[in-house]
Amino acid sequence: MATTLTHNPEAATTNTTTPWRPKAIVFDLLTALLDSWSLWDASTPSGTPEEGHRWRVRYLEITFGAGAYVPYEDLVRQSARDVGLPDSAPRNLLDSWDVGLKAWPEVADVLQRLKAKGYVLGVLTNCSVDLGHAAARQAEVGILSQSGGGSVFDKVITAEESGFYKPRKEAYQAIMTAMALTPEQILFVAGSAGDVEGATNAGMKVVWHNRVGLAKKGHAVPLKEAANLDAALEGFL
């Protein structure tokens, strides 16, 4: 289980009197907002976390080590082969993508509260254009009707669009360019350890929604780490 750190983001200040408040909050998508882990599990022959987590961890290793963009679907298939899964596993995952991805239970409430506070909201995801934007729509399920049918997110940038997979700095630069903001104006919500390191190296402040208790990597320390999204964003909601 992830441990909540005691750092209070309200204490991070740009001067001695004004608490730091970002203009934008940018999310990792497939772990920080969505329970993609259950989809990976369900797509395996056994339908269990034993096979699904092994595959998903290998997938994270491959995507976070890829650098320049190569077809996302190829990495999904390669990671399955690397852990001894049949071709049916990635085929099942890709075929059920639109219906199999579900937002974590607190996501709708958190996004609504952030929008009400006036934050610009973005997504930066290691994904193809088609799959990434489809997944972003899944994160908005339950609140689209209250937003007039428009997107909750102001910007969604995929690895295919940026040309790079996280944690390459160019991936993070792509969302900053799209939002016309500097790293000092953005809070990044990481879903994996690689994102904590990558977003920090890109100059952003980071909180870590470590839902599944992933091990820390690298030397970067988030402002806060928690097992729930609302707890990770405490002080900004």
C-alpha atoms as a PDB file:
ATOM      1  CA  MET A   1       0.000   0.000   0.000  1.00  0.00           C
ATOM      2  CA  ALA A   2       1.342   3.430  -0.901  1.00  0.00           C
ATOM      3  CA  THR A   3       2.254   5.759   1.952  1.00  0.00           C
ATOM      4  CA  THR A   4       0.877   9.286   2.067  1.00  0.00           C
ATOM      5  CA  LEU A   5       3.694  11.762   2.531  1.00  0.00           C
ATOM      6  CA  THR A   6       3.288  14.638   4.951  1.00  0.00           C
ATOM      7  CA  HIS A   7       4.283  17.406   2.552  1.00  0.00           C
ATOM      8  CA  ASN A   8       1.552  20.050   2.277  1.00  0.00           C
ATOM      9  CA  PRO A   9       1.428  21.539  -1.241  1.00  0.00           C
ATOM     10  CA  GLU A  10       0.034  24.751   0.238  1.00  0.00           C
ATOM     11  CA  ALA A  11       3.460  25.269   1.759  1.00  0.00           C
ATOM     12  CA  ALA A  12       5.119  25.401  -1.675  1.00  0.00           C
ATOM     13  CA  THR A  13       5.268  29.144  -2.342  1.00  0.00           C
ATOM     14  CA  THR A  14       6.475  31.381  -5.118  1.00  0.00           C
ATOM     15  CA  ASN A  15       7.126  34.108  -2.520  1.00  0.00           C
ATOM     16  CA  THR A  16       6.808  34.476   1.223  1.00  0.00           C
ATOM     17  CA  THR A  17       3.087  35.299   1.262  1.00  0.00           C
ATOM     18  CA  THR A  18       1.318  33.569  -1.648  1.00  0.00           C
ATOM     19  CA  PRO A  19       0.805  29.790  -1.772  1.00  0.00           C
ATOM     20  CA  TRP A  20       1.767  28.254  -5.099  1.00  0.00           C
ATOM     21  CA  ARG A  21      -1.240  27.464  -7.256  1.00  0.00           C
ATOM     22  CA  PRO A  22      -0.788  25.947 -10.708  1.00  0.00           C
ATOM     23  CA  LYS A  23      -2.673  27.264 -13.708  1.00  0.00           C
ATOM     24  CA  ALA A  24      -3.032  23.755 -15.103  1.00  0.00           C
ATOM     25  CA  ILE A  25      -3.190  20.213 -13.815  1.00  0.00           C
ATOM     26  CA  VAL A  26      -2.011  17.538 -16.240  1.00  0.00           C
ATOM     27  CA  PHE A  27      -2.759  13.861 -15.679  1.00  0.00           C
ATOM     28  CA  ASP A  28      -1.226  10.598 -16.645  1.00  0.00           C
ATOM     29  CA  LEU A  29      -4.211   8.737 -18.072  1.00  0.00           C
ATOM     30  CA  LEU A  30      -3.994   4.952 -17.925  1.00  0.00           C
ATOM     31  CA  THR A  31      -3.152   4.688 -14.220  1.00  0.00           C
ATOM     32  CA  ALA A  32      -3.728   8.104 -12.609  1.00  0.00           C
ATOM     33  CA  LEU A  33      -7.290   8.381 -13.969  1.00  0.00           C
ATOM     34  CA  LEU A  34      -8.239   4.950 -15.307  1.00  0.00           C
ATOM     35  CA  ASP A  35      -8.177   1.430 -13.914  1.00  0.00           C
ATOM     36  CA  SER A  36      -6.377   0.000 -16.917  1.00  0.00           C
ATOM     37  CA  TRP A  37      -4.876  -2.699 -14.706  1.00  0.00           C
ATOM     38  CA  SER A  38      -8.200  -4.547 -14.539  1.00  0.00           C
ATOM     39  CA  LEU A  39      -8.461  -4.493 -18.335  1.00  0.00           C
ATOM     40  CA  TRP A  40      -4.979  -6.005 -18.675  1.00  0.00           C
ATOM     41  CA  ASP A  41      -5.957  -8.699 -16.144  1.00  0.00           C
ATOM     42  CA  ALA A  42      -9.234  -9.522 -17.886  1.00  0.00           C
ATOM     43  CA  SER A  43      -7.538  -9.811 -21.277  1.00  0.00           C
ATOM     44  CA  THR A  44      -5.256 -12.692 -20.230  1.00  0.00           C
ATOM     45  CA  PRO A  45      -6.201 -16.383 -20.623  1.00  0.00           C
ATOM     46  CA  SER A  46      -6.741 -16.767 -16.876  1.00  0.00           C
ATOM     47  CA  GLY A  47      -8.314 -13.344 -16.393  1.00  0.00           C
ATOM     48  CA  THR A  48      -6.291 -12.891 -13.213  1.00  0.00           C
ATOM     49  CA  PRO A  49      -3.910 -10.276 -11.759  1.00  0.00           C
ATOM     50  CA  GLU A  50      -1.201 -12.948 -11.646  1.00  0.00           C
ATOM     51  CA  GLU A  51      -0.907 -12.846 -15.436  1.00  0.00           C
ATOM     52  CA  GLY A  52      -2.219  -9.335 -15.996  1.00  0.00           C
ATOM     53  CA  HIS A  53       0.128  -7.531 -13.612  1.00  0.00           C
ATOM     54  CA  ARG A  54       3.174  -9.334 -14.957  1.00  0.00           C
ATOM     55  CA  TRP A  55       2.196  -8.259 -18.460  1.00  0.00           C
ATOM     56  CA  ARG A  56       1.380  -4.696 -17.421  1.00  0.00           C
ATOM     57  CA  VAL A  57       4.688  -4.231 -15.581  1.00  0.00           C
ATOM     58  CA  ARG A  58       6.571  -5.421 -18.667  1.00  0.00           C
ATOM     59  CA  TYR A  59       4.466  -3.082 -20.814  1.00  0.00           C
ATOM     60  CA  LEU A  60       5.461  -0.149 -18.595  1.00  0.00           C
ATOM     61  CA  GLU A  61       9.123  -1.103 -18.871  1.00  0.00           C
ATOM     62  CA  ILE A  62       8.935  -1.210 -22.665  1.00  0.00           C
ATOM     63  CA  THR A  63       6.930   1.966 -23.194  1.00  0.00           C
ATOM     64  CA  PHE A  64       8.968   4.000 -20.726  1.00  0.00           C
ATOM     65  CA  GLY A  65      12.149   2.782 -22.416  1.00  0.00           C
ATOM     66  CA  ALA A  66      10.986   3.304 -25.998  1.00  0.00           C
ATOM     67  CA  GLY A  67      11.998   6.938 -26.480  1.00  0.00           C
ATOM     68  CA  ALA A  68      10.846   8.029 -29.936  1.00  0.00           C
ATOM     69  CA  TYR A  69       7.349   6.916 -30.890  1.00  0.00           C
ATOM     70  CA  VAL A  70       6.840   3.501 -32.420  1.00  0.00           C
ATOM     71  CA  PRO A  71       3.335   2.055 -32.900  1.00  0.00           C
ATOM     72  CA  TYR A  72       1.731   1.703 -29.495  1.00  0.00           C
ATOM     73  CA  GLU A  73      -0.151  -1.445 -30.416  1.00  0.00           C
ATOM     74  CA  ASP A  74       3.179  -3.102 -31.294  1.00  0.00           C
ATOM     75  CA  LEU A  75       4.450  -2.448 -27.753  1.00  0.00           C
ATOM     76  CA  VAL A  76       1.296  -3.954 -26.271  1.00  0.00           C
ATOM     77  CA  ARG A  77       1.858  -7.101 -28.350  1.00  0.00           C
ATOM     78  CA  GLN A  78       5.597  -7.241 -27.608  1.00  0.00           C
ATOM     79  CA  SER A  79       5.085  -6.992 -23.852  1.00  0.00           C
ATOM     80  CA  ALA A  80       2.573  -9.855 -23.985  1.00  0.00           C
ATOM     81  CA  ARG A  81       5.009 -12.060 -25.896  1.00  0.00           C
ATOM     82  CA  ASP A  82       7.823 -11.170 -23.479  1.00  0.00           C
ATOM     83  CA  VAL A  83       5.883 -12.626 -20.533  1.00  0.00           C
ATOM     84  CA  GLY A  84       4.735 -15.697 -22.434  1.00  0.00           C
ATOM     85  CA  LEU A  85       1.142 -14.722 -23.176  1.00  0.00           C
ATOM     86  CA  PRO A  86      -0.596 -15.813 -26.402  1.00  0.00           C
ATOM     87  CA  ASP A  87      -1.539 -13.370 -29.162  1.00  0.00           C
ATOM     88  CA  SER A  88      -5.130 -13.550 -27.958  1.00  0.00           C
ATOM     89  CA  ALA A  89      -4.247 -11.445 -24.886  1.00  0.00           C
ATOM     90  CA  PRO A  90      -3.286  -8.211 -26.686  1.00  0.00           C
ATOM     91  CA  ARG A  91      -6.051  -8.825 -29.218  1.00  0.00           C
ATOM     92  CA  ASN A  92      -8.584  -9.070 -26.372  1.00  0.00           C
ATOM     93  CA  LEU A  93      -7.234  -5.901 -24.780  1.00  0.00           C
ATOM     94  CA  LEU A  94      -7.352  -3.817 -27.945  1.00  0.00           C
ATOM     95  CA  ASP A  95     -10.772  -5.145 -28.960  1.00  0.00           C
ATOM     96  CA  SER A  96     -12.311  -4.268 -25.579  1.00  0.00           C
ATOM     97  CA  TRP A  97     -10.489  -0.951 -25.098  1.00  0.00           C
ATOM     98  CA  ASP A  98     -13.505   1.341 -25.458  1.00  0.00           C
ATOM     99  CA  VAL A  99     -15.675  -0.555 -22.979  1.00  0.00           C
ATOM    100  CA  GLY A 100     -13.064  -2.150 -20.723  1.00  0.00           C
ATOM    101  CA  LEU A 101     -11.394   0.990 -19.415  1.00  0.00           C
ATOM    102  CA  LYS A 102     -13.112   2.459 -16.367  1.00  0.00           C
ATOM    103  CA  ALA A 103     -12.292   5.547 -14.337  1.00  0.00           C
ATOM    104  CA  TRP A 104     -11.374   5.126 -10.683  1.00  0.00           C
ATOM    105  CA  PRO A 105     -14.470   5.780  -8.507  1.00  0.00           C
ATOM    106  CA  GLU A 106     -13.452   9.264  -7.323  1.00  0.00           C
ATOM    107  CA  VAL A 107     -12.364  10.608 -10.737  1.00  0.00           C
ATOM    108  CA  ALA A 108     -15.643  12.261 -11.754  1.00  0.00           C
ATOM    109  CA  ASP A 109     -15.911  14.172  -8.479  1.00  0.00           C
ATOM    110  CA  VAL A 110     -12.255  15.235  -8.571  1.00  0.00           C
ATOM    111  CA  LEU A 111     -12.419  16.500 -12.154  1.00  0.00           C
ATOM    112  CA  GLN A 112     -15.610  18.436 -11.457  1.00  0.00           C
ATOM    113  CA  ARG A 113     -14.082  20.083  -8.405  1.00  0.00           C
ATOM    114  CA  LEU A 114     -10.925  21.030 -10.294  1.00  0.00           C
ATOM    115  CA  LYS A 115     -12.934  22.517 -13.171  1.00  0.00           C
ATOM    116  CA  ALA A 116     -15.014  24.503 -10.683  1.00  0.00           C
ATOM    117  CA  LYS A 117     -11.806  25.997  -9.281  1.00  0.00           C
ATOM    118  CA  GLY A 118     -10.802  27.195 -12.739  1.00  0.00           C
ATOM    119  CA  TYR A 119      -7.832  24.956 -13.458  1.00  0.00           C
ATOM    120  CA  VAL A 120      -6.921  24.168 -17.045  1.00  0.00           C
ATOM    121  CA  LEU A 121      -6.963  20.357 -17.297  1.00  0.00           C
ATOM    122  CA  GLY A 122      -4.821  18.218 -19.563  1.00  0.00           C
ATOM    123  CA  VAL A 123      -3.825  14.642 -20.258  1.00  0.00           C
ATOM    124  CA  LEU A 124      -0.429  13.345 -21.363  1.00  0.00           C
ATOM    125  CA  THR A 125      -0.489   9.661 -22.204  1.00  0.00           C
ATOM    126  CA  ASN A 126       1.800   6.994 -23.639  1.00  0.00           C
ATOM    127  CA  CYS A 127      -0.683   5.895 -26.269  1.00  0.00           C
ATOM    128  CA  SER A 128      -1.654   6.087 -29.924  1.00  0.00           C
ATOM    129  CA  VAL A 129      -3.924   8.909 -31.075  1.00  0.00           C
ATOM    130  CA  ASP A 130      -7.020   6.735 -31.489  1.00  0.00           C
ATOM    131  CA  LEU A 131      -6.624   4.747 -28.282  1.00  0.00           C
ATOM    132  CA  GLY A 132      -5.465   7.721 -26.222  1.00  0.00           C
ATOM    133  CA  HIS A 133      -8.380   9.961 -27.100  1.00  0.00           C
ATOM    134  CA  ALA A 134     -10.839   7.086 -26.665  1.00  0.00           C
ATOM    135  CA  ALA A 135      -9.397   6.438 -23.191  1.00  0.00           C
ATOM    136  CA  ALA A 136      -9.648  10.135 -22.299  1.00  0.00           C
ATOM    137  CA  ARG A 137     -13.359  10.014 -23.121  1.00  0.00           C
ATOM    138  CA  GLN A 138     -13.719   7.081 -20.744  1.00  0.00           C
ATOM    139  CA  ALA A 139     -12.213   9.210 -17.968  1.00  0.00           C
ATOM    140  CA  GLU A 140     -14.975  11.752 -18.592  1.00  0.00           C
ATOM    141  CA  VAL A 141     -17.861   9.291 -18.385  1.00  0.00           C
ATOM    142  CA  GLY A 142     -20.367  10.413 -15.788  1.00  0.00           C
ATOM    143  CA  ILE A 143     -19.647  14.120 -16.089  1.00  0.00           C
ATOM    144  CA  LEU A 144     -20.069  14.794 -19.814  1.00  0.00           C
ATOM    145  CA  SER A 145     -23.808  15.343 -19.424  1.00  0.00           C
ATOM    146  CA  GLN A 146     -23.104  18.041 -16.846  1.00  0.00           C
ATOM    147  CA  SER A 147     -20.531  19.775 -19.059  1.00  0.00           C
ATOM    148  CA  GLY A 148     -22.891  20.195 -21.994  1.00  0.00           C
ATOM    149  CA  GLY A 149     -21.301  17.326 -23.850  1.00  0.00           C
ATOM    150  CA  GLY A 150     -17.985  19.114 -24.293  1.00  0.00           C
ATOM    151  CA  SER A 151     -14.665  17.677 -23.240  1.00  0.00           C
ATOM    152  CA  VAL A 152     -13.630  18.063 -19.627  1.00  0.00           C
ATOM    153  CA  PHE A 153     -10.001  18.176 -20.732  1.00  0.00           C
ATOM    154  CA  ASP A 154      -8.644  21.275 -22.419  1.00  0.00           C
ATOM    155  CA  LYS A 155      -5.791  19.339 -24.037  1.00  0.00           C
ATOM    156  CA  VAL A 156      -5.040  15.655 -24.621  1.00  0.00           C
ATOM    157  CA  ILE A 157      -1.622  14.793 -26.022  1.00  0.00           C
ATOM    158  CA  THR A 158      -0.605  11.235 -26.902  1.00  0.00           C
ATOM    159  CA  ALA A 159       2.842   9.796 -27.543  1.00  0.00           C
ATOM    160  CA  GLU A 160       1.941   9.503 -31.208  1.00  0.00           C
ATOM    161  CA  GLU A 161       1.151  13.224 -31.353  1.00  0.00           C
ATOM    162  CA  SER A 162       4.273  14.337 -29.483  1.00  0.00           C
ATOM    163  CA  GLY A 163       6.512  11.833 -31.261  1.00  0.00           C
ATOM    164  CA  PHE A 164       7.926  10.572 -27.959  1.00  0.00           C
ATOM    165  CA  TYR A 165       7.026   8.282 -25.098  1.00  0.00           C
ATOM    166  CA  LYS A 166       7.313   9.481 -21.528  1.00  0.00           C
ATOM    167  CA  PRO A 167       9.603   9.902 -19.665  1.00  0.00           C
ATOM    168  CA  ARG A 168      11.419  11.677 -22.527  1.00  0.00           C
ATOM    169  CA  LYS A 169      11.428  15.403 -21.864  1.00  0.00           C
ATOM    170  CA  GLU A 170      10.030  16.063 -25.339  1.00  0.00           C
ATOM    171  CA  ALA A 171       6.769  14.342 -24.364  1.00  0.00           C
ATOM    172  CA  TYR A 172       6.219  16.678 -21.422  1.00  0.00           C
ATOM    173  CA  GLN A 173       7.272  19.669 -23.511  1.00  0.00           C
ATOM    174  CA  ALA A 174       4.522  18.814 -25.992  1.00  0.00           C
ATOM    175  CA  ILE A 175       1.737  19.335 -23.440  1.00  0.00           C
ATOM    176  CA  MET A 176       3.363  22.538 -22.192  1.00  0.00           C
ATOM    177  CA  THR A 177       3.536  23.858 -25.755  1.00  0.00           C
ATOM    178  CA  ALA A 178      -0.068  22.852 -26.439  1.00  0.00           C
ATOM    179  CA  MET A 179      -1.205  24.709 -23.317  1.00  0.00           C
ATOM    180  CA  ALA A 180       1.165  27.653 -23.861  1.00  0.00           C
ATOM    181  CA  LEU A 181       2.376  27.267 -20.278  1.00  0.00           C
ATOM    182  CA  THR A 182       5.730  26.934 -18.549  1.00  0.00           C
ATOM    183  CA  PRO A 183       6.566  23.943 -16.331  1.00  0.00           C
ATOM    184  CA  GLU A 184       6.308  26.180 -13.261  1.00  0.00           C
ATOM    185  CA  GLN A 185       2.611  26.722 -14.066  1.00  0.00           C
ATOM    186  CA  ILE A 186       1.702  23.019 -14.186  1.00  0.00           C
ATOM    187  CA  LEU A 187       1.065  20.369 -11.559  1.00  0.00           C
ATOM    188  CA  PHE A 188       1.543  16.877 -13.002  1.00  0.00           C
ATOM    189  CA  VAL A 189      -0.420  13.939 -11.583  1.00  0.00           C
ATOM    190  CA  ALA A 190       1.689  10.828 -12.130  1.00  0.00           C
ATOM    191  CA  GLY A 191       0.356   7.306 -12.196  1.00  0.00           C
ATOM    192  CA  SER A 192       3.697   5.511 -12.365  1.00  0.00           C
ATOM    193  CA  ALA A 193       7.152   5.910 -10.898  1.00  0.00           C
ATOM    194  CA  GLY A 194       8.598   6.757 -14.312  1.00  0.00           C
ATOM    195  CA  ASP A 195       6.248   9.728 -14.593  1.00  0.00           C
ATOM    196  CA  VAL A 196       7.337  11.061 -11.204  1.00  0.00           C
ATOM    197  CA  GLU A 197      10.919  11.168 -12.449  1.00  0.00           C
ATOM    198  CA  GLY A 198      10.106  12.316 -15.974  1.00  0.00           C
ATOM    199  CA  ALA A 199       7.770  15.180 -15.078  1.00  0.00           C
ATOM    200  CA  THR A 200      10.111  16.360 -12.315  1.00  0.00           C
ATOM    201  CA  ASN A 201      13.029  16.380 -14.753  1.00  0.00           C
ATOM    202  CA  ALA A 202      10.872  18.416 -17.139  1.00  0.00           C
ATOM    203  CA  GLY A 203      10.548  21.072 -14.436  1.00  0.00           C
ATOM    204  CA  MET A 204       7.035  20.358 -13.143  1.00  0.00           C
ATOM    205  CA  LYS A 205       5.851  19.851  -9.604  1.00  0.00           C
ATOM    206  CA  VAL A 206       4.402  16.347  -9.244  1.00  0.00           C
ATOM    207  CA  VAL A 207       1.947  14.425  -7.094  1.00  0.00           C
ATOM    208  CA  TRP A 208       1.758  10.652  -7.401  1.00  0.00           C
ATOM    209  CA  HIS A 209      -1.527   8.756  -7.463  1.00  0.00           C
ATOM    210  CA  ASN A 210       0.090   5.421  -6.690  1.00  0.00           C
ATOM    211  CA  ARG A 211      -3.103   3.347  -6.758  1.00  0.00           C
ATOM    212  CA  VAL A 212      -1.515  -0.078  -7.126  1.00  0.00           C
ATOM    213  CA  GLY A 213       1.503   0.429  -4.871  1.00  0.00           C
ATOM    214  CA  LEU A 214       4.222   0.596  -7.521  1.00  0.00           C
ATOM    215  CA  ALA A 215       7.821   0.724  -6.355  1.00  0.00           C
ATOM    216  CA  LYS A 216       9.671   4.046  -6.448  1.00  0.00           C
ATOM    217  CA  LYS A 217      12.254   4.539  -9.192  1.00  0.00           C
ATOM    218  CA  GLY A 218      14.883   7.215  -9.569  1.00  0.00           C
ATOM    219  CA  HIS A 219      15.568  10.066  -7.182  1.00  0.00           C
ATOM    220  CA  ALA A 220      12.624  12.411  -7.746  1.00  0.00           C
ATOM    221  CA  VAL A 221      10.296  12.937  -4.790  1.00  0.00           C
ATOM    222  CA  PRO A 222       6.672  13.966  -5.399  1.00  0.00           C
ATOM    223  CA  LEU A 223       4.964  16.677  -3.396  1.00  0.00           C
ATOM    224  CA  LYS A 224       2.631  13.934  -2.226  1.00  0.00           C
ATOM    225  CA  GLU A 225       2.026  10.211  -2.805  1.00  0.00           C
ATOM    226  CA  ALA A 226      -1.321   8.608  -2.067  1.00  0.00           C
ATOM    227  CA  ALA A 227      -3.418   5.598  -3.053  1.00  0.00           C
ATOM    228  CA  ASN A 228      -6.445   7.729  -3.992  1.00  0.00           C
ATOM    229  CA  LEU A 229      -6.675  10.597  -6.466  1.00  0.00           C
ATOM    230  CA  ASP A 230      -8.437  12.984  -4.116  1.00  0.00           C
ATOM    231  CA  ALA A 231      -5.854  12.327  -1.410  1.00  0.00           C
ATOM    232  CA  ALA A 232      -2.992  12.888  -3.880  1.00  0.00           C
ATOM    233  CA  LEU A 233      -4.524  16.270  -4.825  1.00  0.00           C
ATOM    234  CA  GLU A 234      -5.340  17.344  -1.281  1.00  0.00           C
ATOM    235  CA  GLY A 235      -4.607  21.048  -0.978  1.00  0.00           C
ATOM    236  CA  PHE A 236      -5.465  21.720  -4.641  1.00  0.00           C
ATOM    237  CA  LEU A 237      -9.117  20.634  -4.594  1.00  0.00           C
END
